[in-house]
N, C-alpha and C. Protein backbone atom coordinates (compact mmCIF):
# COMPACT_ATOMS: atom_id res chain seq x y z
N MET A 1 38.27 -91.40 12.76
CA MET A 1 38.89 -90.00 12.56
C MET A 1 39.63 -89.82 11.66
N ARG A 2 40.00 -88.87 11.12
CA ARG A 2 40.69 -88.73 10.00
C ARG A 2 42.38 -88.52 10.71
N PRO A 3 43.63 -88.14 10.31
CA PRO A 3 44.43 -87.90 11.42
C PRO A 3 44.62 -85.97 10.71
N TYR A 4 45.67 -85.33 11.92
CA TYR A 4 45.15 -84.13 11.77
C TYR A 4 45.89 -83.49 10.55
N TYR A 5 47.15 -84.18 10.38
CA TYR A 5 48.41 -84.07 9.14
C TYR A 5 48.30 -85.26 8.20
N SER A 6 48.95 -85.09 6.83
CA SER A 6 49.15 -86.48 6.30
C SER A 6 50.36 -86.74 6.62
N LYS A 7 50.50 -88.07 6.12
CA LYS A 7 51.69 -88.79 6.47
C LYS A 7 53.02 -88.09 5.50
N LYS A 8 52.57 -87.29 4.58
CA LYS A 8 53.73 -86.61 4.24
C LYS A 8 54.11 -85.36 5.18
N VAL A 9 53.32 -84.97 5.53
CA VAL A 9 53.64 -83.65 6.43
C VAL A 9 54.46 -83.95 7.56
N ILE A 10 53.74 -85.39 8.21
CA ILE A 10 55.04 -85.84 9.02
C ILE A 10 55.82 -86.11 8.82
N LYS A 11 56.33 -86.72 7.50
CA LYS A 11 57.09 -87.47 7.02
C LYS A 11 58.43 -86.27 7.05
N HIS A 12 58.28 -85.23 6.30
CA HIS A 12 58.58 -84.24 5.95
C HIS A 12 59.06 -83.15 7.24
N PHE A 13 58.36 -83.28 8.31
CA PHE A 13 58.72 -82.61 9.72
C PHE A 13 59.39 -83.25 10.11
N LEU A 14 59.46 -85.13 10.27
CA LEU A 14 60.43 -85.52 11.33
C LEU A 14 61.81 -86.11 10.55
N HIS A 15 61.61 -85.75 9.16
CA HIS A 15 62.77 -86.38 8.43
C HIS A 15 62.78 -85.31 7.27
N PRO A 16 63.45 -84.25 7.37
CA PRO A 16 63.26 -83.08 6.84
C PRO A 16 64.80 -83.19 5.91
N LYS A 17 64.91 -83.26 4.28
CA LYS A 17 66.05 -83.70 3.75
C LYS A 17 66.81 -82.56 3.33
N ASN A 18 66.57 -81.23 3.43
CA ASN A 18 67.04 -80.17 3.05
C ASN A 18 67.08 -79.20 4.05
N PHE A 19 67.21 -79.49 5.45
CA PHE A 19 67.45 -78.52 6.45
C PHE A 19 68.97 -78.73 6.29
N GLY A 20 69.45 -77.37 6.72
CA GLY A 20 70.12 -76.65 7.05
C GLY A 20 70.86 -75.18 6.33
N GLU A 21 71.94 -74.81 6.54
CA GLU A 21 72.49 -73.74 5.62
C GLU A 21 73.23 -73.79 4.96
N ILE A 22 73.34 -73.08 3.45
CA ILE A 22 74.38 -73.32 2.75
C ILE A 22 75.44 -72.09 2.55
N ARG A 23 76.40 -72.33 2.98
CA ARG A 23 77.48 -71.25 2.85
C ARG A 23 77.86 -70.69 1.68
N ASN A 24 77.86 -69.39 2.05
CA ASN A 24 78.14 -68.89 0.55
C ASN A 24 76.66 -68.78 -0.52
N PRO A 25 75.66 -68.58 -0.03
CA PRO A 25 74.16 -68.74 -0.79
C PRO A 25 74.48 -67.88 -1.89
N ASP A 26 74.01 -67.73 -3.07
CA ASP A 26 73.93 -66.87 -4.16
C ASP A 26 72.52 -66.17 -3.84
N GLY A 27 71.35 -66.65 -2.89
CA GLY A 27 70.55 -65.88 -2.79
C GLY A 27 69.99 -66.35 -1.15
N ILE A 28 69.16 -65.45 -0.35
CA ILE A 28 68.91 -66.19 0.97
C ILE A 28 67.14 -65.21 0.99
N GLY A 29 66.10 -66.26 1.09
CA GLY A 29 65.04 -65.61 1.30
C GLY A 29 64.20 -65.46 2.96
N ASP A 30 63.88 -64.62 3.35
CA ASP A 30 63.52 -64.48 4.97
C ASP A 30 61.98 -64.16 5.22
N THR A 31 61.59 -64.87 5.51
CA THR A 31 60.23 -64.54 6.22
C THR A 31 59.70 -64.86 7.34
N GLU A 32 58.38 -64.41 7.80
CA GLU A 32 57.98 -64.79 9.03
C GLU A 32 56.23 -64.40 9.06
N ASN A 33 55.85 -65.35 10.02
CA ASN A 33 54.62 -65.08 10.43
C ASN A 33 54.29 -63.98 12.21
N LEU A 34 54.07 -63.15 11.61
CA LEU A 34 53.76 -62.95 13.22
C LEU A 34 52.87 -63.33 14.12
N ARG A 35 51.97 -63.80 13.90
CA ARG A 35 50.63 -64.33 14.47
C ARG A 35 51.20 -65.70 15.35
N CYS A 36 51.65 -66.24 14.60
CA CYS A 36 51.84 -67.60 14.41
C CYS A 36 53.46 -67.98 15.32
N GLY A 37 54.56 -66.93 14.87
CA GLY A 37 55.64 -67.10 14.89
C GLY A 37 56.71 -67.88 14.15
N ASP A 38 56.25 -68.15 13.40
CA ASP A 38 57.17 -69.07 12.61
C ASP A 38 58.06 -68.29 12.00
N VAL A 39 59.06 -68.71 11.71
CA VAL A 39 60.27 -68.33 10.89
C VAL A 39 61.13 -68.97 10.06
N MET A 40 60.95 -68.58 8.36
CA MET A 40 61.78 -69.35 7.30
C MET A 40 62.86 -68.59 7.20
N LYS A 41 63.90 -69.36 6.45
CA LYS A 41 64.93 -68.69 6.20
C LYS A 41 65.32 -69.80 4.64
N ILE A 42 65.16 -69.44 3.47
CA ILE A 42 65.65 -70.44 2.71
C ILE A 42 67.02 -70.34 1.47
N TYR A 43 67.82 -70.74 1.37
CA TYR A 43 69.06 -70.64 0.72
C TYR A 43 69.04 -71.22 -0.68
N ILE A 44 70.11 -70.75 -1.38
CA ILE A 44 70.05 -71.07 -3.13
C ILE A 44 71.21 -71.06 -3.51
N LYS A 45 71.76 -71.58 -4.47
CA LYS A 45 72.45 -71.82 -5.20
C LYS A 45 72.21 -71.86 -6.54
N VAL A 46 72.89 -71.48 -7.09
CA VAL A 46 72.10 -71.12 -8.44
C VAL A 46 73.57 -71.56 -10.03
N LYS A 47 73.29 -72.11 -10.78
CA LYS A 47 73.82 -72.74 -11.78
C LYS A 47 73.67 -72.02 -12.62
N LYS A 48 74.76 -71.21 -13.96
CA LYS A 48 74.15 -70.88 -14.75
C LYS A 48 74.55 -71.57 -16.07
N GLY A 49 74.34 -72.00 -17.24
CA GLY A 49 74.81 -72.36 -17.86
C GLY A 49 73.65 -72.56 -19.01
N LYS A 50 73.99 -72.70 -20.25
CA LYS A 50 73.22 -72.47 -21.58
C LYS A 50 71.87 -71.77 -21.52
N GLY A 51 72.48 -70.48 -21.04
CA GLY A 51 71.38 -69.38 -21.41
C GLY A 51 70.24 -69.52 -20.21
N LYS A 52 70.59 -70.48 -19.39
CA LYS A 52 69.38 -70.50 -17.89
C LYS A 52 70.22 -70.54 -16.88
N GLU A 53 69.24 -70.39 -15.88
CA GLU A 53 69.64 -69.98 -14.33
C GLU A 53 69.01 -71.25 -13.60
N ILE A 54 69.61 -72.10 -13.10
CA ILE A 54 69.18 -73.27 -12.47
C ILE A 54 69.69 -73.84 -11.10
N ILE A 55 68.18 -74.09 -10.12
CA ILE A 55 68.37 -73.91 -8.70
C ILE A 55 69.52 -75.21 -8.28
N LYS A 56 70.36 -75.23 -8.18
CA LYS A 56 71.13 -76.68 -7.91
C LYS A 56 71.36 -77.29 -6.55
N GLU A 57 71.14 -76.15 -5.91
CA GLU A 57 71.17 -76.45 -4.33
C GLU A 57 70.11 -75.52 -3.30
N VAL A 58 69.67 -76.35 -2.38
CA VAL A 58 68.14 -75.16 -1.91
C VAL A 58 68.14 -76.10 -0.34
N LYS A 59 68.59 -75.16 0.75
CA LYS A 59 68.41 -75.32 1.96
C LYS A 59 67.57 -74.51 2.92
N PHE A 60 67.04 -75.23 3.73
CA PHE A 60 66.24 -73.98 4.81
C PHE A 60 66.29 -74.28 6.03
N GLU A 61 66.21 -73.44 6.98
CA GLU A 61 66.35 -73.37 8.13
C GLU A 61 64.88 -72.49 8.86
N THR A 62 64.17 -73.53 9.75
CA THR A 62 62.67 -73.02 9.57
C THR A 62 62.48 -73.47 11.43
N MET A 63 62.10 -72.20 12.34
CA MET A 63 61.53 -72.49 13.44
C MET A 63 59.66 -72.34 13.52
N GLY A 64 59.19 -73.19 13.16
CA GLY A 64 58.09 -73.58 13.79
C GLY A 64 57.54 -74.49 13.79
N CYS A 65 55.97 -75.02 13.00
CA CYS A 65 55.21 -76.10 13.81
C CYS A 65 55.94 -77.02 12.86
N ALA A 66 54.92 -78.45 12.70
CA ALA A 66 55.24 -79.40 12.09
C ALA A 66 55.08 -78.76 10.20
N PRO A 67 53.86 -78.32 10.28
CA PRO A 67 53.73 -77.84 8.66
C PRO A 67 54.73 -76.90 8.02
N ALA A 68 54.73 -76.35 8.90
CA ALA A 68 55.94 -75.24 8.58
C ALA A 68 56.98 -75.62 7.99
N ILE A 69 57.74 -76.75 8.93
CA ILE A 69 58.94 -77.13 8.78
C ILE A 69 58.59 -78.26 7.17
N ALA A 70 57.23 -78.87 7.47
CA ALA A 70 57.27 -79.84 5.90
C ALA A 70 57.11 -79.13 4.84
N SER A 71 56.52 -77.71 4.61
CA SER A 71 56.41 -76.84 3.53
C SER A 71 57.90 -76.62 3.06
N SER A 72 58.70 -76.01 4.19
CA SER A 72 60.14 -75.70 3.72
C SER A 72 60.21 -76.55 3.27
N ASP A 73 60.13 -77.84 3.66
CA ASP A 73 61.12 -78.98 3.23
C ASP A 73 60.49 -79.47 1.45
N MET A 74 59.33 -79.19 1.44
CA MET A 74 58.54 -79.32 0.46
C MET A 74 58.86 -78.32 -0.70
N ILE A 75 58.99 -77.26 -0.57
CA ILE A 75 59.50 -76.36 -1.35
C ILE A 75 60.97 -76.43 -1.97
N CYS A 76 61.74 -76.92 -0.96
CA CYS A 76 63.18 -77.28 -1.45
C CYS A 76 63.13 -78.23 -2.43
N GLN A 77 62.43 -79.25 -2.38
CA GLN A 77 62.39 -80.50 -3.10
C GLN A 77 61.52 -79.88 -4.33
N MET A 78 60.57 -79.43 -4.64
CA MET A 78 60.05 -78.92 -5.66
C MET A 78 60.81 -78.27 -6.71
N VAL A 79 61.50 -77.15 -5.61
CA VAL A 79 62.50 -75.78 -6.66
C VAL A 79 63.83 -76.65 -7.26
N LYS A 80 64.42 -78.02 -6.26
CA LYS A 80 65.78 -78.05 -7.13
C LYS A 80 65.76 -78.48 -8.38
N GLY A 81 66.65 -78.23 -9.04
CA GLY A 81 66.89 -78.56 -10.36
C GLY A 81 65.90 -77.98 -11.31
N LYS A 82 65.24 -77.00 -11.06
CA LYS A 82 63.84 -76.07 -11.80
C LYS A 82 64.97 -74.61 -11.79
N THR A 83 64.25 -74.23 -13.40
CA THR A 83 65.11 -72.70 -13.66
C THR A 83 64.32 -71.74 -12.71
N LEU A 84 64.87 -70.53 -12.53
CA LEU A 84 64.25 -69.74 -11.48
C LEU A 84 63.00 -69.23 -11.83
N ASP A 85 62.76 -69.47 -13.19
CA ASP A 85 60.95 -69.01 -13.88
C ASP A 85 60.28 -69.83 -13.77
N GLU A 86 60.78 -71.13 -13.38
CA GLU A 86 59.76 -72.47 -13.20
C GLU A 86 59.61 -72.52 -11.56
N ALA A 87 60.81 -72.09 -10.88
CA ALA A 87 60.29 -71.94 -8.95
C ALA A 87 59.43 -70.91 -8.90
N LEU A 88 59.49 -69.82 -9.53
CA LEU A 88 58.52 -68.63 -9.41
C LEU A 88 57.26 -69.16 -9.97
N LYS A 89 56.64 -70.13 -10.55
CA LYS A 89 55.59 -70.50 -10.79
C LYS A 89 54.82 -71.25 -9.47
N ILE A 90 55.66 -71.26 -8.97
CA ILE A 90 54.92 -73.04 -7.58
C ILE A 90 54.75 -71.74 -6.54
N GLY A 91 53.21 -72.33 -6.49
CA GLY A 91 52.30 -71.79 -5.64
C GLY A 91 52.09 -72.29 -4.06
N TYR A 92 51.71 -71.48 -3.45
CA TYR A 92 51.15 -72.03 -1.98
C TYR A 92 50.16 -73.48 -2.48
N LYS A 93 49.10 -73.67 -3.28
CA LYS A 93 48.45 -74.50 -3.32
C LYS A 93 48.96 -75.09 -3.96
N ASP A 94 50.14 -75.44 -4.63
CA ASP A 94 51.30 -76.40 -5.52
C ASP A 94 51.40 -77.24 -3.98
N ILE A 95 52.17 -76.52 -2.91
CA ILE A 95 53.13 -76.87 -1.95
C ILE A 95 51.92 -78.11 -1.18
N ALA A 96 50.89 -77.15 -1.02
CA ALA A 96 49.91 -77.75 0.15
C ALA A 96 49.80 -79.29 -0.73
N ASP A 97 49.36 -78.84 -1.65
CA ASP A 97 48.89 -80.42 -2.96
C ASP A 97 50.04 -81.72 -2.29
N LYS A 98 51.60 -80.82 -2.66
CA LYS A 98 52.30 -81.93 -2.60
C LYS A 98 52.26 -82.87 -1.49
N LEU A 99 52.04 -81.76 0.03
CA LEU A 99 51.95 -82.48 1.05
C LEU A 99 50.97 -83.51 1.34
N GLY A 100 49.82 -83.44 0.47
CA GLY A 100 48.42 -84.38 1.07
C GLY A 100 47.45 -83.49 1.40
N ARG A 101 47.71 -82.79 2.53
CA ARG A 101 46.55 -82.28 2.95
C ARG A 101 47.17 -81.39 3.97
N LEU A 102 46.91 -79.86 4.32
CA LEU A 102 47.20 -79.06 5.12
C LEU A 102 45.81 -78.29 5.81
N PRO A 103 45.69 -78.48 7.27
CA PRO A 103 44.45 -78.06 7.56
C PRO A 103 44.22 -76.28 7.16
N PRO A 104 43.15 -75.90 6.84
CA PRO A 104 42.83 -74.52 6.68
C PRO A 104 43.64 -73.39 7.47
N LEU A 105 43.65 -74.12 8.88
CA LEU A 105 44.60 -72.97 9.87
C LEU A 105 46.34 -73.44 9.62
N LYS A 106 46.66 -74.17 8.73
CA LYS A 106 48.19 -74.14 8.65
C LYS A 106 48.32 -74.14 7.03
N ILE A 107 47.40 -73.73 6.11
CA ILE A 107 47.84 -73.10 4.88
C ILE A 107 48.86 -72.41 4.67
N HIS A 108 49.00 -71.31 5.49
CA HIS A 108 49.52 -70.29 5.93
C HIS A 108 51.23 -70.84 5.71
N CYS A 109 51.12 -72.14 6.23
CA CYS A 109 52.61 -72.60 6.38
C CYS A 109 53.34 -72.75 4.77
N ALA A 110 52.37 -72.62 4.02
CA ALA A 110 52.47 -73.17 2.61
C ALA A 110 53.03 -71.63 2.08
N LYS A 111 52.01 -70.97 2.23
CA LYS A 111 52.15 -69.44 1.86
C LYS A 111 53.63 -68.44 2.37
N LEU A 112 53.84 -69.31 3.32
CA LEU A 112 55.52 -68.88 4.13
C LEU A 112 56.71 -69.37 3.01
N ALA A 113 56.24 -70.56 2.79
CA ALA A 113 57.12 -70.95 2.06
C ALA A 113 57.50 -70.64 0.22
N GLN A 114 56.06 -70.11 0.32
CA GLN A 114 56.00 -69.94 -1.49
C GLN A 114 57.16 -68.78 -1.25
N THR A 115 56.16 -67.65 -0.49
CA THR A 115 57.24 -65.98 0.11
C THR A 115 58.46 -66.41 -0.08
N ALA A 116 59.19 -67.36 0.87
CA ALA A 116 60.73 -67.83 1.01
C ALA A 116 61.38 -67.63 0.04
N ILE A 117 61.04 -68.57 -0.64
CA ILE A 117 61.63 -69.32 -2.04
C ILE A 117 61.89 -67.86 -2.69
N ARG A 118 60.71 -67.01 -3.18
CA ARG A 118 60.51 -66.18 -3.70
C ARG A 118 61.65 -64.69 -3.34
N ALA A 119 61.61 -64.74 -2.35
CA ALA A 119 62.67 -64.02 -1.59
C ALA A 119 63.86 -64.47 -1.69
N ALA A 120 64.23 -65.96 -1.79
CA ALA A 120 65.70 -65.81 -2.23
C ALA A 120 65.70 -65.78 -3.66
N ILE A 121 65.18 -65.94 -4.06
CA ILE A 121 65.23 -65.80 -6.14
C ILE A 121 65.69 -63.91 -6.29
N GLU A 122 64.53 -63.24 -5.65
CA GLU A 122 64.54 -62.03 -5.64
C GLU A 122 65.98 -61.24 -5.37
N ASN A 123 66.59 -61.81 -4.05
CA ASN A 123 67.80 -61.55 -3.35
C ASN A 123 68.89 -61.96 -4.44
N TYR A 124 68.81 -63.21 -4.99
CA TYR A 124 69.66 -63.40 -5.97
C TYR A 124 69.81 -62.85 -7.24
N LYS A 125 68.76 -62.37 -7.66
CA LYS A 125 68.44 -61.33 -8.91
C LYS A 125 69.30 -60.03 -8.52
N ASN A 126 68.85 -59.41 -7.35
CA ASN A 126 69.41 -58.13 -6.71
C ASN A 126 70.92 -58.42 -7.00
N LYS A 127 71.65 -59.27 -6.60
CA LYS A 127 72.72 -59.23 -5.84
C LYS A 127 73.69 -59.44 -7.28
N LYS A 128 72.78 -60.15 -8.46
CA LYS A 128 73.51 -60.24 -9.64
C LYS A 128 73.62 -59.20 -10.67
N ASP A 129 72.26 -58.42 -10.36
CA ASP A 129 72.01 -57.14 -10.83
C ASP A 129 73.34 -56.14 -10.18
N LYS A 130 73.63 -55.56 -9.30
CA LYS A 130 74.68 -55.06 -8.93
C LYS A 130 75.95 -55.63 -9.19
N ASN A 131 76.29 -56.66 -9.05
CA ASN A 131 77.49 -57.10 -9.86
C ASN A 131 77.80 -56.99 -11.19
N ASP A 132 77.02 -57.00 -12.29
CA ASP A 132 76.94 -56.69 -13.13
C ASP A 132 76.93 -54.93 -13.62
N GLN A 133 76.25 -54.33 -12.47
CA GLN A 133 76.59 -52.68 -12.31
C GLN A 133 77.86 -52.48 -12.41
N LYS A 134 78.69 -53.46 -11.54
CA LYS A 134 79.83 -53.06 -10.65
C LYS A 134 81.33 -53.45 -12.04
N ARG A 135 80.85 -54.22 -12.79
CA ARG A 135 81.47 -54.66 -14.06
C ARG A 135 81.08 -53.70 -14.73
N LYS A 136 80.54 -53.15 -15.14
CA LYS A 136 79.97 -52.00 -16.53
C LYS A 136 80.65 -51.04 -15.81
N THR A 137 80.94 -50.69 -15.12
CA THR A 137 81.42 -49.02 -14.29
C THR A 137 83.47 -49.40 -14.57
């Protein structure tokens, strides 16, 4: 019988590399699944240069099951060093594929991670737009 979770899911659950909070983040993305109780928060720091905005630091705080924590850690790994546009193109299937295998009942964890990173980027862009508006006035 095959194990329920892949080795990568277990590894990212037991030893997440991106767990924690970023002080003074440029963007924060919150999301939750009311059915299962998973709650995710992703923090990003963005570096601007050469006409591009790159995610230079990313951390997460997740309260949930092993796949929720593993998905949070994996999306952080996948977006670090990417432009905002590249990060926005990462889908939940990409996250699940990188984790090796998620049971069908747990695919929502990868969807939550996708939603959280998109929310963090959106939060960053909204803050940036407000700051740009203030500078113009």
